[in-house]
Amino acid sequence: MARQGLYDRLPSPPVTPGMECAGVVEAVGEEVTDRKVGDKVMVLNRFGLWQEVAAVPASHTFLIPEGMSFEEAAALPVNYITAYMMLFDFGNLRPNQSVLIHAAAGGVGIAATQLCKTVKDVTVFGTASASKHETISEGGVTHPIDYRTKDYVEEVRKISPKGLDVILDPLGGSDTHKAYNLLKPMGKLITYGAANMLAGQKKNLLAVAKNWYHQFSIHTLSLIQGNKSVCGFHLGYLDGEMELITQAMNTIMDLYKEGKIKPRIDSTWHLEQVGDAMRKMQERNNIGKVILTTEPMPEEEKKEEPKKEDKKDDKKKDDKKKDDKKKDDGKKEEKKDDKKKEEPKKEEKKEEEKKEEVKKEEK
């Protein structure tokens, strides 16, 4: 959304995106006492972390626990803080409850599923394409639903006719209406995105307008009479609440040390490949987190890029050869036609010559 100009917490270009990263402290300010050079830390910031060196407030850093890789550390802050605060601060998740998680194979989806498993007998409904069902089921989703071929509302109602206790909604638009209607009495809807605004690699104004037109709106009396609650969550607007975030992060770190949660890395890309990494996410081909690394791209991989260009050049050459061949064939056909046209003329000439000869003989 940030790349298409739909994320209002990112300043106008030129700007470096990136809300989270992991690395080693290279220098500290004079008044910093709880961090030192050489500390391995993960970082949460409003933006500016897709780069080799970043300057951030010490309060925005968290020590990486023993045994956690830099890739896992970079994958943890945004997804797990978001999932934790929605499920437990807003959702008040308790044993024997039910939760619907959209995009269950994405970063937040996997984090939320793992956190649900820390509570006894929680039933998890998760939407994802069919090819990802095996993975999310192994991760803790009780009822995977293929949103591309089935109506997830109908599928949920078949299993839980009364509805659900907690719904995490990153979609917006008409799906927020569906989510509200799926809630049980005392159920909680937490909306935290508007993914329905995205419809391709470039901004689609029609998709944006459609999403806004279907935006969910409700009167407070309806909430009272329905005994339901609707909450909104946006981690980007909590950048001034680091004490609150640190409390959540401390609990998340404890769960990691206990082996109850573990970030899933889908793939790692070099900064030079950021376009391909973003494309993979937007086409929904990832299961888990897509990571960018500042390590230099190996020479072998760099050599492969020109090879792709060479293939394109070869294809152009082949196409040119085909075009040239077609032209040559056309010329040959034209020559044949000309030859055919000349044949009658030659015959006429021969006839005239014969007539001349006859006249001469008569004389």
Foldseek 3Di string as FASTA:
>chain_A
DVVQVPDVLFDDPPFAFDQKFWDFDCDDDPPDDPDDGGFTWMFGHLGDPLDDDDDDPPLRIDGDDPPDDRQQSRLPQPQQLQLLCQCCVVLVDAAQFEEEEELLLEANNLNNQLVQVVHHHYAYEYEDAPVCVVVSVVSHHNHYDDVVPDPVLVVQCVVPVQAGAEYEAAAAFQVQVSNVVRHHQLHEYEYEHHLQQDDDPHGDVVSVVNRVVRGDDDDVVCCVVSNYYYHYDYVSVCNVVSVVSVVSVVVVSVCVVVVSDTFDEFEEEESVCVVVLVVCVNVPVGRTDYYYDPPDDDPVVVVVVVVVVVVVVVVVVVVVVVVVVVVVVVVVVVVVVVVVVVVVVVVVVVVVVVVVVVVVVVD
